[in-house]
């Protein structure tokens, strides 16, 4: 299950309902910080199986559902439908009092395609997005090779920002199988306000034990971009660090997900963009 659908949650955590009531954001132009109020999650997982006829013909149908509140107190329902051991569709819903997201993913032989809708509480913007993940074959098994997603943030029908994100995956051999050991996520953001353009490259390194169980993560990256300030186009560079959080009840992310975000200005330019970063 994890080797095909894990990419989906990187997408969700990056873009959907990115700022909620449990998140604190601050920026002084030199430093950007996003911190989270973490709580103990109440996620529970249930499995139902049925053998017989269904939408995909005769065979074994399995439904895997995880629901409850995540470690930020948000309501979550994740449902994965499988047929004869292969994932077919996943529906993910996430919401709290002032933000929400829904992602629908459909899995095919060589790719997965998904759509995203939602509302961002930081800006009040409506979010819509589409994406595709292409598989690669390693030792006869399918793994996600790369994922491309495109999102648009709009307010009252006017485009606030356009986001393109590409994630590539690297794997290592563990106990006769392969597991993710590194991802490289490149995000390009174009904001209508201030004629602002930003590119970030974030590397996530996965630490695993001898049998492949995820035991830790290290996440860091860089950013660069241009912004119009006092009618002049200036450039900037930054350094990004993200602190992983552990939630053993979230089986879809192997228990680890991205947490508190910090971006520090590293160039002589006068400022970093003061908007909430999509990467957080």
C-alpha atoms as a PDB file:
ATOM      1  CA  UNK A   1       0.000   0.000   0.000  1.00  0.00           C
ATOM      2  CA  UNK A   2       2.647   2.540   1.044  1.00  0.00           C
ATOM      3  CA  UNK A   3       4.855   2.382  -2.042  1.00  0.00           C
ATOM      4  CA  UNK A   4       2.061   3.599  -4.323  1.00  0.00           C
ATOM      5  CA  UNK A   5       0.023   5.983  -2.196  1.00  0.00           C
ATOM      6  CA  UNK A   6       2.652   7.625   0.005  1.00  0.00           C
ATOM      7  CA  UNK A   7       3.186  10.398  -2.549  1.00  0.00           C
ATOM      8  CA  UNK A   8      -0.378  11.543  -2.052  1.00  0.00           C
ATOM      9  CA  UNK A   9       0.199  12.729   1.474  1.00  0.00           C
ATOM     10  CA  UNK A  10       3.210  14.823   0.564  1.00  0.00           C
ATOM     11  CA  UNK A  11       0.883  16.650  -1.777  1.00  0.00           C
ATOM     12  CA  UNK A  12      -1.825  17.046   0.832  1.00  0.00           C
ATOM     13  CA  UNK A  13       0.505  18.247   3.550  1.00  0.00           C
ATOM     14  CA  UNK A  14       2.148  20.737   1.193  1.00  0.00           C
ATOM     15  CA  UNK A  15      -0.944  22.375  -0.182  1.00  0.00           C
ATOM     16  CA  UNK A  16      -4.308  21.428   1.205  1.00  0.00           C
ATOM     17  CA  UNK A  17      -5.567  23.337   4.226  1.00  0.00           C
ATOM     18  CA  UNK A  18      -2.015  24.552   4.676  1.00  0.00           C
ATOM     19  CA  UNK A  19      -2.782  27.031   7.443  1.00  0.00           C
ATOM     20  CA  UNK A  20      -5.324  26.176  10.102  1.00  0.00           C
ATOM     21  CA  UNK A  21      -6.391  27.357  13.526  1.00  0.00           C
ATOM     22  CA  UNK A  22      -3.612  25.229  15.078  1.00  0.00           C
ATOM     23  CA  UNK A  23      -0.843  26.924  13.078  1.00  0.00           C
ATOM     24  CA  UNK A  24       1.126  30.065  13.968  1.00  0.00           C
ATOM     25  CA  UNK A  25       2.806  32.058  11.164  1.00  0.00           C
ATOM     26  CA  UNK A  26       5.187  34.989  11.486  1.00  0.00           C
ATOM     27  CA  UNK A  27       7.575  36.857   9.207  1.00  0.00           C
ATOM     28  CA  UNK A  28       9.758  39.935   9.664  1.00  0.00           C
ATOM     29  CA  UNK A  29      11.223  39.851   6.169  1.00  0.00           C
ATOM     30  CA  UNK A  30      14.395  38.123   7.381  1.00  0.00           C
ATOM     31  CA  UNK A  31      12.866  35.048   8.989  1.00  0.00           C
ATOM     32  CA  UNK A  32       9.707  33.079   8.263  1.00  0.00           C
ATOM     33  CA  UNK A  33       8.411  30.623  10.850  1.00  0.00           C
ATOM     34  CA  UNK A  34       5.406  28.316  10.847  1.00  0.00           C
ATOM     35  CA  UNK A  35       4.798  26.424  14.086  1.00  0.00           C
ATOM     36  CA  UNK A  36       2.059  23.937  14.914  1.00  0.00           C
ATOM     37  CA  UNK A  37       0.083  23.168  18.039  1.00  0.00           C
ATOM     38  CA  UNK A  38       0.463  19.408  18.174  1.00  0.00           C
ATOM     39  CA  UNK A  39      -1.909  17.159  20.066  1.00  0.00           C
ATOM     40  CA  UNK A  40      -2.255  13.428  20.533  1.00  0.00           C
ATOM     41  CA  UNK A  41      -4.005  12.038  17.474  1.00  0.00           C
ATOM     42  CA  UNK A  42      -7.071   9.841  17.733  1.00  0.00           C
ATOM     43  CA  UNK A  43      -6.690   8.115  14.359  1.00  0.00           C
ATOM     44  CA  UNK A  44      -7.956   4.545  14.133  1.00  0.00           C
ATOM     45  CA  UNK A  45      -7.753   2.145  11.184  1.00  0.00           C
ATOM     46  CA  UNK A  46     -10.352  -0.377  10.077  1.00  0.00           C
ATOM     47  CA  UNK A  47     -10.179  -3.010   7.339  1.00  0.00           C
ATOM     48  CA  UNK A  48     -13.128  -4.656   5.625  1.00  0.00           C
ATOM     49  CA  UNK A  49     -12.849  -7.422   3.046  1.00  0.00           C
ATOM     50  CA  UNK A  50     -15.321  -9.029   0.683  1.00  0.00           C
ATOM     51  CA  UNK A  51     -14.957 -11.621  -2.034  1.00  0.00           C
ATOM     52  CA  UNK A  52     -17.438 -11.462  -4.863  1.00  0.00           C
ATOM     53  CA  UNK A  53     -18.595  -9.271  -7.738  1.00  0.00           C
ATOM     54  CA  UNK A  54     -18.076  -5.513  -7.738  1.00  0.00           C
ATOM     55  CA  UNK A  55     -17.045  -2.553  -9.884  1.00  0.00           C
ATOM     56  CA  UNK A  56     -13.895  -4.365 -11.090  1.00  0.00           C
ATOM     57  CA  UNK A  57     -15.392  -7.822 -11.611  1.00  0.00           C
ATOM     58  CA  UNK A  58     -15.105 -10.883  -9.438  1.00  0.00           C
ATOM     59  CA  UNK A  59     -12.367 -10.952  -6.825  1.00  0.00           C
ATOM     60  CA  UNK A  60     -11.175  -9.790  -3.425  1.00  0.00           C
ATOM     61  CA  UNK A  61     -12.258  -6.279  -2.417  1.00  0.00           C
ATOM     62  CA  UNK A  62     -10.524  -4.558   0.530  1.00  0.00           C
ATOM     63  CA  UNK A  63     -11.395  -1.188   2.076  1.00  0.00           C
ATOM     64  CA  UNK A  64      -8.845   0.407   4.408  1.00  0.00           C
ATOM     65  CA  UNK A  65     -10.192   3.376   6.372  1.00  0.00           C
ATOM     66  CA  UNK A  66      -8.298   5.617   8.797  1.00  0.00           C
ATOM     67  CA  UNK A  67     -10.354   8.257  10.587  1.00  0.00           C
ATOM     68  CA  UNK A  68     -10.300  10.548  13.616  1.00  0.00           C
ATOM     69  CA  UNK A  69      -8.298  13.643  14.492  1.00  0.00           C
ATOM     70  CA  UNK A  70      -4.688  13.982  13.352  1.00  0.00           C
ATOM     71  CA  UNK A  71      -1.853  15.367  15.474  1.00  0.00           C
ATOM     72  CA  UNK A  72      -2.983  18.925  14.709  1.00  0.00           C
ATOM     73  CA  UNK A  73      -6.533  18.251  15.843  1.00  0.00           C
ATOM     74  CA  UNK A  74      -7.964  18.236  12.320  1.00  0.00           C
ATOM     75  CA  UNK A  75     -10.744  15.879  11.311  1.00  0.00           C
ATOM     76  CA  UNK A  76      -9.449  13.276   8.878  1.00  0.00           C
ATOM     77  CA  UNK A  77     -10.919  10.456   6.827  1.00  0.00           C
ATOM     78  CA  UNK A  78      -8.666   8.444   4.498  1.00  0.00           C
ATOM     79  CA  UNK A  79     -10.211   5.577   2.556  1.00  0.00           C
ATOM     80  CA  UNK A  80      -8.295   3.280   0.215  1.00  0.00           C
ATOM     81  CA  UNK A  81     -10.132   0.830  -2.037  1.00  0.00           C
ATOM     82  CA  UNK A  82      -8.215  -2.166  -3.389  1.00  0.00           C
ATOM     83  CA  UNK A  83      -9.059  -5.054  -5.721  1.00  0.00           C
ATOM     84  CA  UNK A  84      -7.070  -8.285  -5.725  1.00  0.00           C
ATOM     85  CA  UNK A  85      -4.275  -6.616  -3.774  1.00  0.00           C
ATOM     86  CA  UNK A  86      -3.950  -3.576  -6.041  1.00  0.00           C
ATOM     87  CA  UNK A  87      -4.997  -0.025  -5.062  1.00  0.00           C
ATOM     88  CA  UNK A  88      -7.812   1.364  -7.216  1.00  0.00           C
ATOM     89  CA  UNK A  89      -9.004   4.580  -5.597  1.00  0.00           C
ATOM     90  CA  UNK A  90      -8.310   6.691  -2.544  1.00  0.00           C
ATOM     91  CA  UNK A  91     -10.444   9.480  -1.080  1.00  0.00           C
ATOM     92  CA  UNK A  92      -8.898  11.800   1.505  1.00  0.00           C
ATOM     93  CA  UNK A  93     -10.832  14.443   3.466  1.00  0.00           C
ATOM     94  CA  UNK A  94      -9.338  16.910   5.931  1.00  0.00           C
ATOM     95  CA  UNK A  95     -11.114  19.763   7.719  1.00  0.00           C
ATOM     96  CA  UNK A  96     -11.365  21.978  10.777  1.00  0.00           C
ATOM     97  CA  UNK A  97     -13.399  25.054  11.655  1.00  0.00           C
ATOM     98  CA  UNK A  98     -11.974  27.314   8.945  1.00  0.00           C
ATOM     99  CA  UNK A  99     -10.247  25.170   6.302  1.00  0.00           C
ATOM    100  CA  UNK A 100     -10.832  21.981   4.362  1.00  0.00           C
ATOM    101  CA  UNK A 101      -9.405  19.765   1.656  1.00  0.00           C
ATOM    102  CA  UNK A 102     -10.490  16.800  -0.409  1.00  0.00           C
ATOM    103  CA  UNK A 103      -8.287  14.696  -2.655  1.00  0.00           C
ATOM    104  CA  UNK A 104      -9.474  11.905  -4.931  1.00  0.00           C
ATOM    105  CA  UNK A 105      -6.816   9.621  -6.407  1.00  0.00           C
ATOM    106  CA  UNK A 106      -7.340   6.961  -9.052  1.00  0.00           C
ATOM    107  CA  UNK A 107      -4.661   4.331  -9.612  1.00  0.00           C
ATOM    108  CA  UNK A 108      -3.829   2.825 -13.004  1.00  0.00           C
ATOM    109  CA  UNK A 109      -1.193   0.450 -14.377  1.00  0.00           C
ATOM    110  CA  UNK A 110       1.527   3.035 -15.019  1.00  0.00           C
ATOM    111  CA  UNK A 111       0.335   6.105 -13.150  1.00  0.00           C
ATOM    112  CA  UNK A 112      -1.941   7.618 -10.537  1.00  0.00           C
ATOM    113  CA  UNK A 113      -4.055  10.711 -11.196  1.00  0.00           C
ATOM    114  CA  UNK A 114      -5.715  12.900  -8.624  1.00  0.00           C
ATOM    115  CA  UNK A 115      -7.785  16.034  -8.127  1.00  0.00           C
ATOM    116  CA  UNK A 116      -7.775  18.371  -5.141  1.00  0.00           C
ATOM    117  CA  UNK A 117     -10.254  20.972  -3.873  1.00  0.00           C
ATOM    118  CA  UNK A 118     -10.271  22.963  -0.670  1.00  0.00           C
ATOM    119  CA  UNK A 119     -10.122  26.244   1.225  1.00  0.00           C
ATOM    120  CA  UNK A 120      -7.021  27.842   2.750  1.00  0.00           C
ATOM    121  CA  UNK A 121      -7.652  29.639   6.040  1.00  0.00           C
ATOM    122  CA  UNK A 122      -4.496  31.792   5.799  1.00  0.00           C
ATOM    123  CA  UNK A 123      -5.746  33.663   2.729  1.00  0.00           C
ATOM    124  CA  UNK A 124      -9.391  32.647   2.444  1.00  0.00           C
ATOM    125  CA  UNK A 125      -8.547  31.377  -1.017  1.00  0.00           C
ATOM    126  CA  UNK A 126     -10.200  28.513  -2.819  1.00  0.00           C
ATOM    127  CA  UNK A 127      -7.729  25.800  -3.836  1.00  0.00           C
ATOM    128  CA  UNK A 128      -8.054  23.579  -6.881  1.00  0.00           C
ATOM    129  CA  UNK A 129      -5.454  21.232  -8.232  1.00  0.00           C
ATOM    130  CA  UNK A 130      -4.613  18.273 -10.413  1.00  0.00           C
ATOM    131  CA  UNK A 131      -1.675  15.930 -10.438  1.00  0.00           C
ATOM    132  CA  UNK A 132      -0.162  12.747 -11.780  1.00  0.00           C
ATOM    133  CA  UNK A 133       2.325  10.253 -10.419  1.00  0.00           C
ATOM    134  CA  UNK A 134       4.333   8.053 -12.789  1.00  0.00           C
ATOM    135  CA  UNK A 135       5.491   4.632 -11.672  1.00  0.00           C
ATOM    136  CA  UNK A 136       8.832   2.967 -12.199  1.00  0.00           C
ATOM    137  CA  UNK A 137       9.638  -0.740 -11.904  1.00  0.00           C
ATOM    138  CA  UNK A 138      12.322  -1.973  -9.523  1.00  0.00           C
ATOM    139  CA  UNK A 139      12.969  -5.713  -9.268  1.00  0.00           C
ATOM    140  CA  UNK A 140       9.562  -6.408 -10.769  1.00  0.00           C
ATOM    141  CA  UNK A 141       7.625  -4.168  -8.358  1.00  0.00           C
ATOM    142  CA  UNK A 142       5.975  -0.799  -9.042  1.00  0.00           C
ATOM    143  CA  UNK A 143       7.142   2.280  -7.155  1.00  0.00           C
ATOM    144  CA  UNK A 144       6.424   5.978  -7.572  1.00  0.00           C
ATOM    145  CA  UNK A 145       9.126   7.543  -9.738  1.00  0.00           C
ATOM    146  CA  UNK A 146       7.961  11.148  -9.774  1.00  0.00           C
ATOM    147  CA  UNK A 147       4.890  13.224  -9.025  1.00  0.00           C
ATOM    148  CA  UNK A 148       3.818  16.491 -10.642  1.00  0.00           C
ATOM    149  CA  UNK A 149       1.083  18.633  -9.169  1.00  0.00           C
ATOM    150  CA  UNK A 150      -0.441  21.955 -10.174  1.00  0.00           C
ATOM    151  CA  UNK A 151      -2.542  24.119  -7.863  1.00  0.00           C
ATOM    152  CA  UNK A 152      -4.353  27.423  -8.247  1.00  0.00           C
ATOM    153  CA  UNK A 153      -5.370  29.694  -5.378  1.00  0.00           C
ATOM    154  CA  UNK A 154      -8.232  32.058  -6.195  1.00  0.00           C
ATOM    155  CA  UNK A 155     -10.189  34.703  -4.280  1.00  0.00           C
ATOM    156  CA  UNK A 156     -13.528  35.874  -5.677  1.00  0.00           C
ATOM    157  CA  UNK A 157     -12.589  34.391  -9.029  1.00  0.00           C
ATOM    158  CA  UNK A 158      -9.236  36.203  -9.225  1.00  0.00           C
ATOM    159  CA  UNK A 159      -6.004  34.196  -9.224  1.00  0.00           C
ATOM    160  CA  UNK A 160      -3.881  34.811  -6.147  1.00  0.00           C
ATOM    161  CA  UNK A 161      -1.159  32.245  -6.871  1.00  0.00           C
ATOM    162  CA  UNK A 162      -0.201  29.391  -9.171  1.00  0.00           C
ATOM    163  CA  UNK A 163       1.864  26.534  -7.794  1.00  0.00           C
ATOM    164  CA  UNK A 164       3.756  23.765  -9.601  1.00  0.00           C
ATOM    165  CA  UNK A 165       5.424  21.060  -7.546  1.00  0.00           C
ATOM    166  CA  UNK A 166       7.562  18.164  -8.763  1.00  0.00           C
ATOM    167  CA  UNK A 167       8.731  15.414  -6.403  1.00  0.00           C
ATOM    168  CA  UNK A 168      11.196  12.667  -7.300  1.00  0.00           C
ATOM    169  CA  UNK A 169      11.783   9.523  -5.221  1.00  0.00           C
ATOM    170  CA  UNK A 170      14.890   7.491  -4.483  1.00  0.00           C
ATOM    171  CA  UNK A 171      14.805   3.987  -3.002  1.00  0.00           C
ATOM    172  CA  UNK A 172      17.061   1.650  -1.055  1.00  0.00           C
ATOM    173  CA  UNK A 173      16.979  -2.123  -0.585  1.00  0.00           C
ATOM    174  CA  UNK A 174      15.765  -3.438   2.774  1.00  0.00           C
ATOM    175  CA  UNK A 175      14.947  -6.989   3.802  1.00  0.00           C
ATOM    176  CA  UNK A 176      14.219  -8.152   0.249  1.00  0.00           C
ATOM    177  CA  UNK A 177      12.206  -5.072  -0.750  1.00  0.00           C
ATOM    178  CA  UNK A 178      12.673  -1.386  -1.471  1.00  0.00           C
ATOM    179  CA  UNK A 179      11.750   1.660   0.617  1.00  0.00           C
ATOM    180  CA  UNK A 180      12.005   5.424   0.141  1.00  0.00           C
ATOM    181  CA  UNK A 181      15.344   6.832   1.294  1.00  0.00           C
ATOM    182  CA  UNK A 182      15.183  10.321  -0.228  1.00  0.00           C
ATOM    183  CA  UNK A 183      12.759  12.674  -1.947  1.00  0.00           C
ATOM    184  CA  UNK A 184      13.539  15.908  -3.782  1.00  0.00           C
ATOM    185  CA  UNK A 185      10.628  18.340  -3.943  1.00  0.00           C
ATOM    186  CA  UNK A 186      10.907  21.363  -6.258  1.00  0.00           C
ATOM    187  CA  UNK A 187       8.170  23.971  -5.858  1.00  0.00           C
ATOM    188  CA  UNK A 188       7.630  26.958  -8.129  1.00  0.00           C
ATOM    189  CA  UNK A 189       5.219  29.643  -6.896  1.00  0.00           C
ATOM    190  CA  UNK A 190       3.978  32.668  -8.838  1.00  0.00           C
ATOM    191  CA  UNK A 191       1.979  35.221  -6.836  1.00  0.00           C
ATOM    192  CA  UNK A 192      -0.107  37.946  -8.416  1.00  0.00           C
ATOM    193  CA  UNK A 193       0.704  40.240  -5.500  1.00  0.00           C
ATOM    194  CA  UNK A 194       4.021  42.102  -5.788  1.00  0.00           C
ATOM    195  CA  UNK A 195       4.910  40.257  -8.992  1.00  0.00           C
ATOM    196  CA  UNK A 196       6.538  37.620  -6.797  1.00  0.00           C
ATOM    197  CA  UNK A 197       8.128  34.402  -8.042  1.00  0.00           C
ATOM    198  CA  UNK A 198       9.797  31.789  -5.864  1.00  0.00           C
ATOM    199  CA  UNK A 199      11.511  28.445  -6.373  1.00  0.00           C
ATOM    200  CA  UNK A 200      12.410  26.091  -3.542  1.00  0.00           C
ATOM    201  CA  UNK A 201      14.182  22.744  -3.521  1.00  0.00           C
ATOM    202  CA  UNK A 202      13.611  20.639  -0.403  1.00  0.00           C
ATOM    203  CA  UNK A 203      15.411  17.352   0.293  1.00  0.00           C
ATOM    204  CA  UNK A 204      13.928  14.783   2.656  1.00  0.00           C
ATOM    205  CA  UNK A 205      16.205  12.016   3.948  1.00  0.00           C
ATOM    206  CA  UNK A 206      14.633   8.887   5.474  1.00  0.00           C
ATOM    207  CA  UNK A 207      16.457   6.919   8.186  1.00  0.00           C
ATOM    208  CA  UNK A 208      15.500   3.227   8.351  1.00  0.00           C
ATOM    209  CA  UNK A 209      16.582   0.225  10.339  1.00  0.00           C
ATOM    210  CA  UNK A 210      17.832  -3.030   8.804  1.00  0.00           C
ATOM    211  CA  UNK A 211      14.325  -4.265   7.971  1.00  0.00           C
ATOM    212  CA  UNK A 212      13.238  -0.962   6.424  1.00  0.00           C
ATOM    213  CA  UNK A 213      11.154   0.512   9.258  1.00  0.00           C
ATOM    214  CA  UNK A 214      11.237   4.299   9.194  1.00  0.00           C
ATOM    215  CA  UNK A 215      12.923   5.622  12.345  1.00  0.00           C
ATOM    216  CA  UNK A 216      13.525   9.295  11.481  1.00  0.00           C
ATOM    217  CA  UNK A 217      13.696  12.028   8.860  1.00  0.00           C
ATOM    218  CA  UNK A 218      15.829  15.069   8.088  1.00  0.00           C
ATOM    219  CA  UNK A 219      14.332  17.795   5.896  1.00  0.00           C
ATOM    220  CA  UNK A 220      16.104  20.901   4.562  1.00  0.00           C
ATOM    221  CA  UNK A 221      16.393  22.966   1.414  1.00  0.00           C
ATOM    222  CA  UNK A 222      16.976  26.285  -0.267  1.00  0.00           C
ATOM    223  CA  UNK A 223      14.845  28.982  -1.833  1.00  0.00           C
ATOM    224  CA  UNK A 224      15.355  31.773  -4.327  1.00  0.00           C
ATOM    225  CA  UNK A 225      13.130  34.236  -6.091  1.00  0.00           C
ATOM    226  CA  UNK A 226      12.306  37.755  -7.189  1.00  0.00           C
ATOM    227  CA  UNK A 227       9.916  40.339  -5.812  1.00  0.00           C
ATOM    228  CA  UNK A 228       8.892  43.869  -6.750  1.00  0.00           C
ATOM    229  CA  UNK A 229       9.716  46.319  -3.946  1.00  0.00           C
ATOM    230  CA  UNK A 230       9.183  50.074  -4.430  1.00  0.00           C
ATOM    231  CA  UNK A 231       8.751  49.467  -8.165  1.00  0.00           C
ATOM    232  CA  UNK A 232      12.097  47.679  -8.367  1.00  0.00           C
ATOM    233  CA  UNK A 233      12.631  43.985  -9.020  1.00  0.00           C
ATOM    234  CA  UNK A 234      14.925  42.483  -6.381  1.00  0.00           C
ATOM    235  CA  UNK A 235      16.111  38.920  -5.842  1.00  0.00           C
ATOM    236  CA  UNK A 236      16.582  36.876  -2.679  1.00  0.00           C
ATOM    237  CA  UNK A 237      17.855  33.512  -1.473  1.00  0.00           C
ATOM    238  CA  UNK A 238      16.923  31.596   1.637  1.00  0.00           C
ATOM    239  CA  UNK A 239      17.620  28.470   3.648  1.00  0.00           C
ATOM    240  CA  UNK A 240      14.744  26.192   4.695  1.00  0.00           C
ATOM    241  CA  UNK A 241      14.588  23.704   7.556  1.00  0.00           C
ATOM    242  CA  UNK A 242      11.569  21.574   8.497  1.00  0.00           C
ATOM    243  CA  UNK A 243      11.255  19.576  11.721  1.00  0.00           C
ATOM    244  CA  UNK A 244       9.538  16.200  11.191  1.00  0.00           C
ATOM    245  CA  UNK A 245       6.742  15.142  13.550  1.00  0.00           C
ATOM    246  CA  UNK A 246       5.934  11.597  14.603  1.00  0.00           C
ATOM    247  CA  UNK A 247       2.398  10.215  14.765  1.00  0.00           C
ATOM    248  CA  UNK A 248       2.443   6.411  15.067  1.00  0.00           C
ATOM    249  CA  UNK A 249      -1.280   6.194  14.297  1.00  0.00           C
ATOM    250  CA  UNK A 250      -0.899   7.611  10.772  1.00  0.00           C
ATOM    251  CA  UNK A 251      -0.061   4.473   8.819  1.00  0.00           C
ATOM    252  CA  UNK A 252      -0.138   6.244   5.463  1.00  0.00           C
ATOM    253  CA  UNK A 253       2.925   8.371   6.245  1.00  0.00           C
ATOM    254  CA  UNK A 254       4.749   5.584   8.132  1.00  0.00           C
ATOM    255  CA  UNK A 255       4.212   7.702  11.244  1.00  0.00           C
ATOM    256  CA  UNK A 256       6.335  10.678  10.137  1.00  0.00           C
ATOM    257  CA  UNK A 257       5.205  13.927   8.494  1.00  0.00           C
ATOM    258  CA  UNK A 258       6.500  17.435   7.938  1.00  0.00           C
ATOM    259  CA  UNK A 259       6.272  19.738  10.955  1.00  0.00           C
ATOM    260  CA  UNK A 260       7.482  23.195  11.971  1.00  0.00           C
ATOM    261  CA  UNK A 261       8.920  25.294   9.129  1.00  0.00           C
ATOM    262  CA  UNK A 262      11.662  27.915   9.180  1.00  0.00           C
ATOM    263  CA  UNK A 263      13.087  29.969   6.309  1.00  0.00           C
ATOM    264  CA  UNK A 264      16.029  32.342   6.802  1.00  0.00           C
ATOM    265  CA  UNK A 265      17.222  35.034   4.394  1.00  0.00           C
ATOM    266  CA  UNK A 266      20.750  34.197   3.172  1.00  0.00           C
ATOM    267  CA  UNK A 267      21.308  36.909   0.547  1.00  0.00           C
ATOM    268  CA  UNK A 268      21.916  40.656   0.816  1.00  0.00           C
ATOM    269  CA  UNK A 269      18.461  41.376  -0.584  1.00  0.00           C
ATOM    270  CA  UNK A 270      16.259  43.454   1.726  1.00  0.00           C
ATOM    271  CA  UNK A 271      13.499  40.950   2.433  1.00  0.00           C
ATOM    272  CA  UNK A 272      11.902  37.559   2.093  1.00  0.00           C
ATOM    273  CA  UNK A 273       8.318  37.346   0.930  1.00  0.00           C
ATOM    274  CA  UNK A 274       6.012  37.769   3.930  1.00  0.00           C
ATOM    275  CA  UNK A 275       3.261  35.446   2.655  1.00  0.00           C
ATOM    276  CA  UNK A 276       2.517  32.060   4.173  1.00  0.00           C
ATOM    277  CA  UNK A 277       4.846  29.626   2.326  1.00  0.00           C
ATOM    278  CA  UNK A 278       3.142  26.858   0.380  1.00  0.00           C
ATOM    279  CA  UNK A 279       6.054  24.592   1.335  1.00  0.00           C
ATOM    280  CA  UNK A 280       4.953  24.718   4.982  1.00  0.00           C
END
